C-alpha atoms as a PDB file:
ATOM      1  CA  GLN A   1      68.028  55.164  95.174  1.00  0.00           C
ATOM      2  CA  TRP A   2      67.037  53.789  91.950  1.00  0.00           C
ATOM      3  CA  LYS A   3      67.635  50.153  93.121  1.00  0.00           C
ATOM      4  CA  GLN A   4      65.573  50.654  96.070  1.00  0.00           C
ATOM      5  CA  THR A   5      62.742  51.853  93.859  1.00  0.00           C
ATOM      6  CA  ASP A   6      63.121  48.597  91.699  1.00  0.00           C
ATOM      7  CA  GLN A   7      62.668  46.715  94.806  1.00  0.00           C
ATOM      8  CA  GLY A   8      59.271  47.666  95.243  1.00  0.00           C
ATOM      9  CA  GLY A   9      58.031  47.426  91.507  1.00  0.00           C
ATOM     10  CA  VAL A  10      58.512  45.906  88.066  1.00  0.00           C
ATOM     11  CA  PRO A  11      62.121  46.599  86.735  1.00  0.00           C
ATOM     12  CA  ASN A  12      61.990  49.006  83.792  1.00  0.00           C
ATOM     13  CA  HIS A  13      65.281  48.125  81.560  1.00  0.00           C
ATOM     14  CA  ALA A  14      64.824  50.861  79.126  1.00  0.00           C
ATOM     15  CA  LEU A  15      64.348  53.483  81.690  1.00  0.00           C
ATOM     16  CA  TRP A  16      67.257  52.116  83.540  1.00  0.00           C
ATOM     17  CA  LYS A  17      69.439  52.390  80.579  1.00  0.00           C
ATOM     18  CA  ARG A  18      68.399  56.179  80.145  1.00  0.00           C
ATOM     19  CA  PHE A  19      69.276  56.799  83.770  1.00  0.00           C
ATOM     20  CA  ASP A  20      72.673  55.151  83.497  1.00  0.00           C
ATOM     21  CA  GLN A  21      73.581  57.102  80.629  1.00  0.00           C
ATOM     22  CA  ALA A  22      72.529  60.289  82.381  1.00  0.00           C
ATOM     23  CA  CYS A  23      74.834  59.320  85.389  1.00  0.00           C
ATOM     24  CA  ASN A  24      77.766  58.306  82.997  1.00  0.00           C
ATOM     25  CA  GLU A  25      77.295  61.876  81.460  1.00  0.00           C
ATOM     26  CA  ALA A  26      77.114  63.707  84.771  1.00  0.00           C
ATOM     27  CA  TYR A  27      80.144  61.712  86.049  1.00  0.00           C
ATOM     28  CA  ARG A  28      82.082  62.771  82.871  1.00  0.00           C
ATOM     29  CA  ILE A  29      81.516  66.499  83.589  1.00  0.00           C
ATOM     30  CA  VAL A  30      82.190  66.205  87.356  1.00  0.00           C
ATOM     31  CA  GLU A  31      85.394  64.132  86.518  1.00  0.00           C
ATOM     32  CA  HIS A  32      86.437  67.028  84.197  1.00  0.00           C
ATOM     33  CA  TRP A  33      85.701  69.466  86.784  1.00  0.00           C
ATOM     34  CA  LEU A  34      87.701  67.493  89.425  1.00  0.00           C
ATOM     35  CA  GLY A  35      90.666  67.333  86.895  1.00  0.00           C
ATOM     36  CA  GLU A  36      90.489  71.144  86.628  1.00  0.00           C
ATOM     37  CA  MET A  37      90.526  71.533  90.242  1.00  0.00           C
ATOM     38  CA  LYS A  38      93.639  69.320  90.792  1.00  0.00           C
ATOM     39  CA  GLN A  39      95.375  71.109  87.936  1.00  0.00           C
ATOM     40  CA  ASN A  40      94.610  74.529  89.575  1.00  0.00           C
ATOM     41  CA  ALA A  41      95.563  73.114  93.048  1.00  0.00           C
ATOM     42  CA  ALA A  42      98.970  72.081  91.591  1.00  0.00           C
ATOM     43  CA  ALA A  43      99.480  75.122  89.833  1.00  0.00           C
ATOM     44  CA  GLN A  44      98.646  77.382  93.080  1.00  0.00           C
ATOM     45  CA  ARG A  45     101.105  75.036  95.029  1.00  0.00           C
ATOM     46  CA  THR A  46     103.760  75.615  92.373  1.00  0.00           C
ATOM     47  CA  ILE A  47     103.259  79.608  92.566  1.00  0.00           C
ATOM     48  CA  ARG A  48     103.404  79.666  96.390  1.00  0.00           C
ATOM     49  CA  THR A  49     106.517  77.281  96.423  1.00  0.00           C
ATOM     50  CA  ALA A  50     108.389  79.617  93.966  1.00  0.00           C
ATOM     51  CA  LEU A  51     107.465  82.494  96.047  1.00  0.00           C
ATOM     52  CA  LEU A  52     108.805  80.774  99.208  1.00  0.00           C
ATOM     53  CA  ASP A  53     112.030  80.038  97.393  1.00  0.00           C
ATOM     54  CA  GLU A  54     112.075  83.566  96.338  1.00  0.00           C
ATOM     55  CA  LEU A  55     111.597  84.918  99.813  1.00  0.00           C
ATOM     56  CA  LYS A  56     114.468  82.796 101.134  1.00  0.00           C
ATOM     57  CA  ALA A  57     116.939  83.960  98.410  1.00  0.00           C
ATOM     58  CA  TRP A  58     115.998  87.507  98.875  1.00  0.00           C
ATOM     59  CA  GLY A  59     116.489  87.157 102.717  1.00  0.00           C
ATOM     60  CA  GLU A  60     119.873  85.667 102.260  1.00  0.00           C
ATOM     61  CA  GLN A  61     120.829  88.603  99.870  1.00  0.00           C
ATOM     62  CA  LEU A  62     119.466  91.211 102.496  1.00  0.00           C
ATOM     63  CA  ALA A  63     121.592  89.438 105.349  1.00  0.00           C
ATOM     64  CA  THR A  64     124.627  89.747 103.245  1.00  0.00           C
ATOM     65  CA  GLN A  65     124.076  93.168 102.352  1.00  0.00           C
ATOM     66  CA  SER A  66     123.371  93.959 105.911  1.00  0.00           C
ATOM     67  CA  SER A  67     126.755  92.559 107.069  1.00  0.00           C
ATOM     68  CA  GLN A  68     128.372  94.675 104.555  1.00  0.00           C
ATOM     69  CA  GLY A  69     126.642  97.886 105.588  1.00  0.00           C
ATOM     70  CA  THR A  70     125.291  98.337 101.867  1.00  0.00           C
ATOM     71  CA  ALA A  71     121.440  97.405 102.652  1.00  0.00           C
ATOM     72  CA  ASP A  72     118.855  99.703 101.612  1.00  0.00           C
ATOM     73  CA  TRP A  73     116.245  99.474 104.463  1.00  0.00           C
ATOM     74  CA  LYS A  74     113.428 101.627 102.784  1.00  0.00           C
ATOM     75  CA  ALA A  75     113.694  99.398  99.717  1.00  0.00           C
ATOM     76  CA  ALA A  76     113.739  96.183 102.054  1.00  0.00           C
ATOM     77  CA  HIS A  77     110.766  97.485 103.758  1.00  0.00           C
ATOM     78  CA  ARG A  78     108.776  97.985 100.528  1.00  0.00           C
ATOM     79  CA  ASP A  79     110.022  94.491  99.205  1.00  0.00           C
ATOM     80  CA  LEU A  80     108.659  92.709 102.348  1.00  0.00           C
ATOM     81  CA  PHE A  81     105.378  94.417 102.019  1.00  0.00           C
ATOM     82  CA  GLN A  82     105.109  93.314  98.260  1.00  0.00           C
ATOM     83  CA  PHE A  83     106.062  89.741  99.283  1.00  0.00           C
ATOM     84  CA  THR A  84     103.294  89.648 101.748  1.00  0.00           C
ATOM     85  CA  ARG A  85     100.780  90.999  99.395  1.00  0.00           C
ATOM     86  CA  ARG A  86     101.752  88.467  96.891  1.00  0.00           C
ATOM     87  CA  TRP A  87     101.469  85.635  99.291  1.00  0.00           C
ATOM     88  CA  ARG A  88      98.069  86.891 100.077  1.00  0.00           C
ATOM     89  CA  GLU A  89      96.729  87.317  96.634  1.00  0.00           C
ATOM     90  CA  ALA A  90      98.441  84.015  95.238  1.00  0.00           C
ATOM     91  CA  GLY A  91      95.222  82.186  94.866  1.00  0.00           C
ATOM     92  CA  HIS A  92      93.101  79.419  96.714  1.00  0.00           C
ATOM     93  CA  LEU A  93      94.788  76.285  98.357  1.00  0.00           C
ATOM     94  CA  SER A  94      93.175  73.382  99.939  1.00  0.00           C
ATOM     95  CA  GLU A  95      92.950  73.319 103.782  1.00  0.00           C
ATOM     96  CA  LYS A  96      95.500  70.563 103.741  1.00  0.00           C
ATOM     97  CA  ALA A  97      97.969  72.435 101.385  1.00  0.00           C
ATOM     98  CA  PHE A  98      97.573  75.631 103.262  1.00  0.00           C
ATOM     99  CA  ALA A  99      98.180  74.157 106.706  1.00  0.00           C
ATOM    100  CA  GLU A 100     101.398  72.696 105.126  1.00  0.00           C
ATOM    101  CA  LEU A 101     102.615  75.826 103.460  1.00  0.00           C
ATOM    102  CA  GLN A 102     101.577  78.662 105.701  1.00  0.00           C
ATOM    103  CA  PRO A 103     104.062  77.642 108.737  1.00  0.00           C
ATOM    104  CA  GLN A 104     106.789  77.431 106.025  1.00  0.00           C
ATOM    105  CA  TRP A 105     106.009  81.003 104.908  1.00  0.00           C
ATOM    106  CA  LYS A 106     105.841  82.432 108.242  1.00  0.00           C
ATOM    107  CA  ALA A 107     109.171  81.106 109.269  1.00  0.00           C
ATOM    108  CA  ALA A 108     110.810  82.141 106.107  1.00  0.00           C
ATOM    109  CA  LEU A 109     109.239  85.665 106.620  1.00  0.00           C
ATOM    110  CA  GLN A 110     110.417  85.797 109.995  1.00  0.00           C
ATOM    111  CA  GLN A 111     114.064  84.754 109.000  1.00  0.00           C
ATOM    112  CA  ALA A 112     114.126  87.065 105.934  1.00  0.00           C
ATOM    113  CA  SER A 113     112.864  90.247 107.972  1.00  0.00           C
ATOM    114  CA  ALA A 114     115.239  89.566 110.726  1.00  0.00           C
ATOM    115  CA  PRO A 115     118.000  92.201 109.562  1.00  0.00           C
ATOM    116  CA  LEU A 116     115.360  94.981 109.034  1.00  0.00           C
ATOM    117  CA  GLN A 117     113.801  94.150 112.454  1.00  0.00           C
ATOM    118  CA  ALA A 118     117.193  94.494 113.989  1.00  0.00           C
ATOM    119  CA  VAL A 119     117.841  97.970 112.574  1.00  0.00           C
ATOM    120  CA  GLN A 120     114.456  98.970 113.378  1.00  0.00           C
ATOM    121  CA  THR A 121     114.792  97.962 116.957  1.00  0.00           C
ATOM    122  CA  ALA A 122     118.067 100.085 117.150  1.00  0.00           C
ATOM    123  CA  SER A 123     116.242 103.122 115.462  1.00  0.00           C
ATOM    124  CA  ILE A 124     113.413 103.129 118.092  1.00  0.00           C
ATOM    125  CA  ALA A 125     115.883 102.976 120.889  1.00  0.00           C
ATOM    126  CA  LEU A 126     117.750 106.005 119.089  1.00  0.00           C
ATOM    127  CA  ARG A 127     114.706 107.979 118.732  1.00  0.00           C
ATOM    128  CA  GLN A 128     113.382 107.435 122.109  1.00  0.00           C
ATOM    129  CA  GLN A 129     116.926 108.919 123.248  1.00  0.00           C
ATOM    130  CA  MET A 130     116.591 111.816 120.955  1.00  0.00           C
ATOM    131  CA  THR A 131     113.070 112.277 122.513  1.00  0.00           C
ATOM    132  CA  GLU A 132     114.845 112.493 125.887  1.00  0.00           C
ATOM    133  CA  GLU A 133     117.448 115.070 124.616  1.00  0.00           C
ATOM    134  CA  ALA A 134     114.481 117.151 123.277  1.00  0.00           C
ATOM    135  CA  ALA A 135     112.998 117.164 126.627  1.00  0.00           C
ATOM    136  CA  ASN A 136     116.230 118.044 128.355  1.00  0.00           C
ATOM    137  CA  LEU A 137     116.890 121.004 125.912  1.00  0.00           C
ATOM    138  CA  CYS A 138     113.305 122.297 126.324  1.00  0.00           C
ATOM    139  CA  ALA A 139     113.434 122.125 130.035  1.00  0.00           C
ATOM    140  CA  ALA A 140     116.487 124.443 130.395  1.00  0.00           C
ATOM    141  CA  ALA A 141     116.098 127.972 131.430  1.00  0.00           C
ATOM    142  CA  SER A 142     117.546 129.214 128.056  1.00  0.00           C
ATOM    143  CA  LEU A 143     116.013 127.784 124.957  1.00  0.00           C
ATOM    144  CA  ARG A 144     118.806 126.836 122.362  1.00  0.00           C
ATOM    145  CA  ILE A 145     117.153 127.102 119.069  1.00  0.00           C
ATOM    146  CA  ASP A 146     120.169 125.944 117.214  1.00  0.00           C
ATOM    147  CA  ALA A 147     120.586 122.649 119.233  1.00  0.00           C
ATOM    148  CA  ILE A 148     116.918 121.881 118.739  1.00  0.00           C
ATOM    149  CA  LYS A 149     117.148 122.453 115.065  1.00  0.00           C
ATOM    150  CA  GLN A 150     120.209 120.098 114.770  1.00  0.00           C
ATOM    151  CA  LEU A 151     118.280 117.445 116.984  1.00  0.00           C
ATOM    152  CA  GLN A 152     115.320 117.626 114.567  1.00  0.00           C
ATOM    153  CA  GLN A 153     117.756 117.102 111.523  1.00  0.00           C
ATOM    154  CA  ARG A 154     119.119 114.047 113.016  1.00  0.00           C
ATOM    155  CA  TRP A 155     115.608 112.795 113.615  1.00  0.00           C
ATOM    156  CA  GLN A 156     114.613 113.606 110.057  1.00  0.00           C
ATOM    157  CA  GLN A 157     117.842 111.550 108.695  1.00  0.00           C
ATOM    158  CA  GLU A 158     117.051 108.664 110.941  1.00  0.00           C
ATOM    159  CA  ALA A 159     113.503 108.625 109.651  1.00  0.00           C
ATOM    160  CA  GLN A 160     114.568 108.609 106.039  1.00  0.00           C
ATOM    161  CA  GLN A 161     117.173 105.748 106.465  1.00  0.00           C
ATOM    162  CA  ILE A 162     115.177 103.302 108.694  1.00  0.00           C
ATOM    163  CA  PRO A 163     111.295 103.099 108.010  1.00  0.00           C
ATOM    164  CA  LEU A 164     109.004 101.742 110.769  1.00  0.00           C
ATOM    165  CA  ASP A 165     105.288 100.973 110.822  1.00  0.00           C
ATOM    166  CA  ARG A 166     103.429 104.129 110.008  1.00  0.00           C
ATOM    167  CA  ARG A 167     101.479 104.182 113.198  1.00  0.00           C
ATOM    168  CA  GLN A 168     104.688 103.413 115.467  1.00  0.00           C
ATOM    169  CA  GLU A 169     106.510 106.132 113.631  1.00  0.00           C
ATOM    170  CA  GLN A 170     103.771 108.644 114.150  1.00  0.00           C
ATOM    171  CA  LYS A 171     103.605 107.826 117.910  1.00  0.00           C
ATOM    172  CA  LEU A 172     107.394 108.384 118.277  1.00  0.00           C
ATOM    173  CA  TRP A 173     107.299 111.470 116.172  1.00  0.00           C
ATOM    174  CA  ASP A 174     104.438 112.970 118.485  1.00  0.00           C
ATOM    175  CA  ALA A 175     106.388 112.133 121.677  1.00  0.00           C
ATOM    176  CA  PHE A 176     109.372 113.862 120.050  1.00  0.00           C
ATOM    177  CA  ARG A 177     107.581 117.032 119.134  1.00  0.00           C
ATOM    178  CA  LYS A 178     105.630 117.466 122.362  1.00  0.00           C
ATOM    179  CA  PRO A 179     108.205 119.011 124.513  1.00  0.00           C
ATOM    180  CA  ILE A 180     109.494 121.164 121.511  1.00  0.00           C
ATOM    181  CA  ASP A 181     106.085 122.564 120.834  1.00  0.00           C
ATOM    182  CA  GLU A 182     105.533 123.301 124.609  1.00  0.00           C
ATOM    183  CA  ALA A 183     108.786 125.147 124.920  1.00  0.00           C
ATOM    184  CA  PHE A 184     107.980 127.450 121.813  1.00  0.00           C
ATOM    185  CA  GLN A 185     104.506 128.003 123.235  1.00  0.00           C
ATOM    186  CA  ARG A 186     106.128 129.112 126.527  1.00  0.00           C
ATOM    187  CA  LYS A 187     108.526 131.250 124.669  1.00  0.00           C
ATOM    188  CA  ASP A 188     105.648 132.820 122.561  1.00  0.00           C
ATOM    189  CA  ALA A 189     103.656 133.442 125.748  1.00  0.00           C
ATOM    190  CA  ALA A 190     106.640 135.094 127.341  1.00  0.00           C
ATOM    191  CA  ARG A 191     107.107 137.377 124.251  1.00  0.00           C
ATOM    192  CA  GLU A 192     103.658 138.505 124.283  1.00  0.00           C
ATOM    193  CA  LYS A 193     103.953 139.276 128.054  1.00  0.00           C
ATOM    194  CA  GLN A 194     107.144 141.492 127.349  1.00  0.00           C
ATOM    195  CA  VAL A 195     105.125 143.199 124.384  1.00  0.00           C
ATOM    196  CA  ALA A 196     102.319 144.086 126.798  1.00  0.00           C
ATOM    197  CA  ALA A 197     104.936 145.292 129.313  1.00  0.00           C
ATOM    198  CA  MET A 198     106.475 147.530 126.713  1.00  0.00           C
ATOM    199  CA  SER A 199     102.941 149.062 125.772  1.00  0.00           C
ATOM    200  CA  GLU A 200     102.422 150.000 129.625  1.00  0.00           C
ATOM    201  CA  HIS A 201     105.821 151.536 129.634  1.00  0.00           C
ATOM    202  CA  ASP A 202     104.939 153.528 126.284  1.00  0.00           C
ATOM    203  CA  GLN A 203     101.604 154.669 128.042  1.00  0.00           C
ATOM    204  CA  ARG A 204     103.691 155.957 131.019  1.00  0.00           C
ATOM    205  CA  VAL A 205     106.129 157.793 129.046  1.00  0.00           C
ATOM    206  CA  LEU A 206     103.417 159.388 127.117  1.00  0.00           C
ATOM    207  CA  ALA A 207     101.521 160.268 130.131  1.00  0.00           C
ATOM    208  CA  ALA A 208     104.744 161.814 131.773  1.00  0.00           C
ATOM    209  CA  SER A 209     105.355 163.831 128.509  1.00  0.00           C
ATOM    210  CA  GLN A 210     101.979 165.227 128.653  1.00  0.00           C
ATOM    211  CA  ALA A 211     102.401 165.934 132.342  1.00  0.00           C
ATOM    212  CA  LEU A 212     105.749 167.827 131.624  1.00  0.00           C
ATOM    213  CA  GLN A 213     103.986 169.883 128.975  1.00  0.00           C
ATOM    214  CA  ALA A 214     101.407 170.915 131.504  1.00  0.00           C
ATOM    215  CA  ALA A 215     103.947 171.813 134.140  1.00  0.00           C
ATOM    216  CA  ASN A 216     105.827 173.880 131.242  1.00  0.00           C
ATOM    217  CA  ALA A 217     102.496 175.734 130.481  1.00  0.00           C
ATOM    218  CA  SER A 218     101.874 176.610 134.305  1.00  0.00           C
ATOM    219  CA  GLN A 219     105.673 177.892 134.492  1.00  0.00           C
ATOM    220  CA  ASP A 220     105.778 176.429 138.051  1.00  0.00           C
ATOM    221  CA  ALA A 221     109.494 175.406 138.488  1.00  0.00           C
ATOM    222  CA  GLN A 222     108.609 172.807 141.197  1.00  0.00           C
ATOM    223  CA  GLN A 223     106.107 171.302 138.947  1.00  0.00           C
ATOM    224  CA  ILE A 224     108.287 171.213 135.986  1.00  0.00           C
ATOM    225  CA  GLN A 225     111.089 169.551 138.114  1.00  0.00           C
ATOM    226  CA  LEU A 226     108.869 167.008 139.301  1.00  0.00           C
ATOM    227  CA  ALA A 227     107.424 166.272 135.874  1.00  0.00           C
ATOM    228  CA  MET A 228     110.897 165.940 134.348  1.00  0.00           C
ATOM    229  CA  ALA A 229     111.883 163.312 136.989  1.00  0.00           C
ATOM    230  CA  ASP A 230     108.718 161.331 136.359  1.00  0.00           C
ATOM    231  CA  LEU A 231     109.450 161.426 132.570  1.00  0.00           C
ATOM    232  CA  ASP A 232     112.982 160.328 133.180  1.00  0.00           C
ATOM    233  CA  ALA A 233     112.012 157.497 135.363  1.00  0.00           C
ATOM    234  CA  ALA A 234     109.173 156.375 132.651  1.00  0.00           C
ATOM    235  CA  MET A 235     111.934 156.556 129.922  1.00  0.00           C
ATOM    236  CA  ARG A 236     114.366 154.385 132.045  1.00  0.00           C
ATOM    237  CA  GLY A 237     111.583 151.776 132.573  1.00  0.00           C
ATOM    238  CA  GLN A 238     110.891 151.816 128.678  1.00  0.00           C
ATOM    239  CA  ALA A 239     114.444 151.140 128.023  1.00  0.00           C
ATOM    240  CA  ALA A 240     114.503 148.305 130.445  1.00  0.00           C
ATOM    241  CA  ALA A 241     111.475 146.730 128.897  1.00  0.00           C
ATOM    242  CA  VAL A 242     112.970 146.944 125.371  1.00  0.00           C
ATOM    243  CA  LYS A 243     116.385 145.186 126.627  1.00  0.00           C
ATOM    244  CA  ALA A 244     114.340 142.303 128.288  1.00  0.00           C
ATOM    245  CA  ALA A 245     112.404 141.791 125.030  1.00  0.00           C
ATOM    246  CA  GLY A 246     115.523 141.792 123.006  1.00  0.00           C
ATOM    247  CA  ASP A 247     117.077 139.088 125.478  1.00  0.00           C
END
């Protein structure tokens, strides 16, 4: 732009010298900034490369522990989450460097998490099986409370050993709890119905007792005999209701 301006007028060498010095100063500042950018980019690449190597070593260790049956899956789940967070927060990369390293990271993460994903898949299948067991137990005519409690304990043990994604775990748990909750609701409703039936029998016994008192007061032998028979029938009905409630 300066040279284009010079073509249309008289050159000013003194002013050009000042302009050239200003350009050199600006270039020096920009060059320093570019140098810092290159250093930061190299540092970020080093950090990410080191993290990539750390993930691969961790994955090999987890695979060994898995084959030996000594893996702590809850700890592995936490570690993988931390690896993902550290990679996400590692700092800025150029588009070219990111396009080069991101596929490597995804491949390493998939390979490192393969043992955990395998046990998670097996755990999901096991929990779905326990959900079917719960549905079968709760559909039976007689509700086996002890068997349901044992099944719940098995579920809790599995959940403590094998962690899953929070939303998936909650979805599986809700499906497992549904038939159990419905069964206990049916049991509570039946118990309330039995209690109501007992109250009706109690009222019948009370009414029969009052009728017997009235018959005794009348000193009518036939009325007394009928009132005693009614009271006996009411008491037998009350006893049957109490037995049904206990069952």
